[in-house]
Amino acid sequence: MEKLSIIRQLFLGNAGLLEHVKVTEEYRRLMRILAEFDEALAAKLESNSELYELFEKFKRANDEVTAEEVETFYEAGIKFGALLGIELMKE
């Protein structure tokens, strides 16, 4: 079976997707800790609707910042990889 080029894999949706990225045990550990803090803080804020809503807004804003950061670094990595490939082809 012929191995598909990376360009064809991207086109077919078989590369560059989160489902194809192996998540490390360290990432899983940190996400468990984050979830525990989130649940504990939300439970303490339930009695104060104003603070609870502020906390929810903070989490949404943080999620948006994180998504933007990931996209920016992903794009920079792709550009760097392409430029590296071009430079290597010149040699």
Protein backbone atom coordinates (compact mmCIF):
# COMPACT_ATOMS: atom_id res chain seq x y z
CA MET A 1 0.00 0.00 0.00
CA GLU A 2 1.39 3.37 -1.04
CA LYS A 3 1.98 5.92 1.72
CA LEU A 4 0.06 9.13 1.09
CA SER A 5 1.93 12.42 0.94
CA ILE A 6 1.36 14.81 3.83
CA ILE A 7 -0.44 17.20 1.46
CA ARG A 8 -2.89 14.48 0.43
CA GLN A 9 -3.33 13.43 4.08
CA LEU A 10 -4.19 17.03 5.01
CA PHE A 11 -6.62 17.26 2.08
CA LEU A 12 -8.36 14.03 3.07
CA GLY A 13 -8.52 15.11 6.70
CA ASN A 14 -6.21 12.35 7.91
CA ALA A 15 -3.54 14.65 9.36
CA GLY A 16 -3.37 17.80 11.39
CA LEU A 17 -6.45 16.94 13.44
CA LEU A 18 -6.68 16.73 17.21
CA GLU A 19 -7.95 13.15 17.00
CA HIS A 20 -4.57 12.16 15.56
CA VAL A 21 -2.55 13.73 18.38
CA LYS A 22 -1.52 11.47 21.24
CA VAL A 23 -2.26 13.14 24.57
CA THR A 24 0.44 12.60 27.17
CA GLU A 25 -0.13 11.27 30.67
CA GLU A 26 1.16 14.61 32.00
CA TYR A 27 -1.55 16.44 30.05
CA ARG A 28 -4.20 14.08 31.43
CA ARG A 29 -2.87 14.59 34.97
CA LEU A 30 -2.94 18.37 34.64
CA MET A 31 -6.46 18.30 33.17
CA ARG A 32 -7.68 16.21 36.14
CA ILE A 33 -6.19 18.77 38.55
CA LEU A 34 -7.77 21.63 36.60
CA ALA A 35 -11.16 19.90 36.64
CA GLU A 36 -10.92 19.35 40.40
CA PHE A 37 -10.15 23.03 40.99
CA ASP A 38 -12.95 24.07 38.65
CA GLU A 39 -15.50 21.89 40.45
CA ALA A 40 -14.34 23.00 43.90
CA LEU A 41 -14.41 26.68 43.03
CA ALA A 42 -17.78 26.42 41.27
CA ALA A 43 -19.26 24.67 44.33
CA LYS A 44 -18.03 27.44 46.63
CA LEU A 45 -19.39 30.15 44.33
CA GLU A 46 -22.85 28.62 43.80
CA SER A 47 -24.29 30.59 46.70
CA ASN A 48 -23.16 33.88 45.15
CA SER A 49 -24.66 34.12 41.67
CA GLU A 50 -22.71 37.28 40.81
CA LEU A 51 -19.34 35.67 41.59
CA TYR A 52 -20.39 32.41 39.93
CA GLU A 53 -21.29 34.24 36.70
CA LEU A 54 -18.00 36.17 36.84
CA PHE A 55 -16.15 32.86 37.20
CA GLU A 56 -18.02 31.40 34.20
CA LYS A 57 -17.16 34.49 32.11
CA PHE A 58 -13.52 34.15 33.17
CA LYS A 59 -13.45 30.50 32.07
CA ARG A 60 -15.00 31.34 28.68
CA ALA A 61 -12.51 34.18 28.13
CA ASN A 62 -9.63 31.92 29.14
CA ASP A 63 -10.84 29.22 26.72
CA GLU A 64 -10.95 31.78 23.89
CA VAL A 65 -7.44 33.03 24.68
CA THR A 66 -6.12 29.47 24.83
CA ALA A 67 -7.74 28.59 21.49
CA GLU A 68 -6.24 31.69 19.86
CA GLU A 69 -2.83 30.85 21.31
CA VAL A 70 -2.97 27.27 20.05
CA GLU A 71 -4.02 28.38 16.55
CA THR A 72 -1.28 31.03 16.44
CA PHE A 73 1.46 28.60 17.46
CA TYR A 74 0.11 25.89 15.13
CA GLU A 75 0.18 28.32 12.21
CA ALA A 76 3.69 29.50 13.12
CA GLY A 77 4.86 25.88 13.34
CA ILE A 78 3.43 25.03 9.92
CA LYS A 79 5.09 28.10 8.38
CA PHE A 80 8.40 27.26 10.05
CA GLY A 81 8.19 23.67 8.81
CA ALA A 82 7.47 24.83 5.27
CA LEU A 83 10.38 27.28 5.30
CA LEU A 84 12.67 24.62 6.75
CA GLY A 85 11.64 22.23 3.97
CA ILE A 86 12.29 24.87 1.32
CA GLU A 87 15.71 25.62 2.76
CA LEU A 88 16.62 21.94 2.93
CA MET A 89 15.59 21.46 -0.70
CA LYS A 90 18.03 24.21 -1.75
CA GLU A 91 21.03 22.36 -0.35
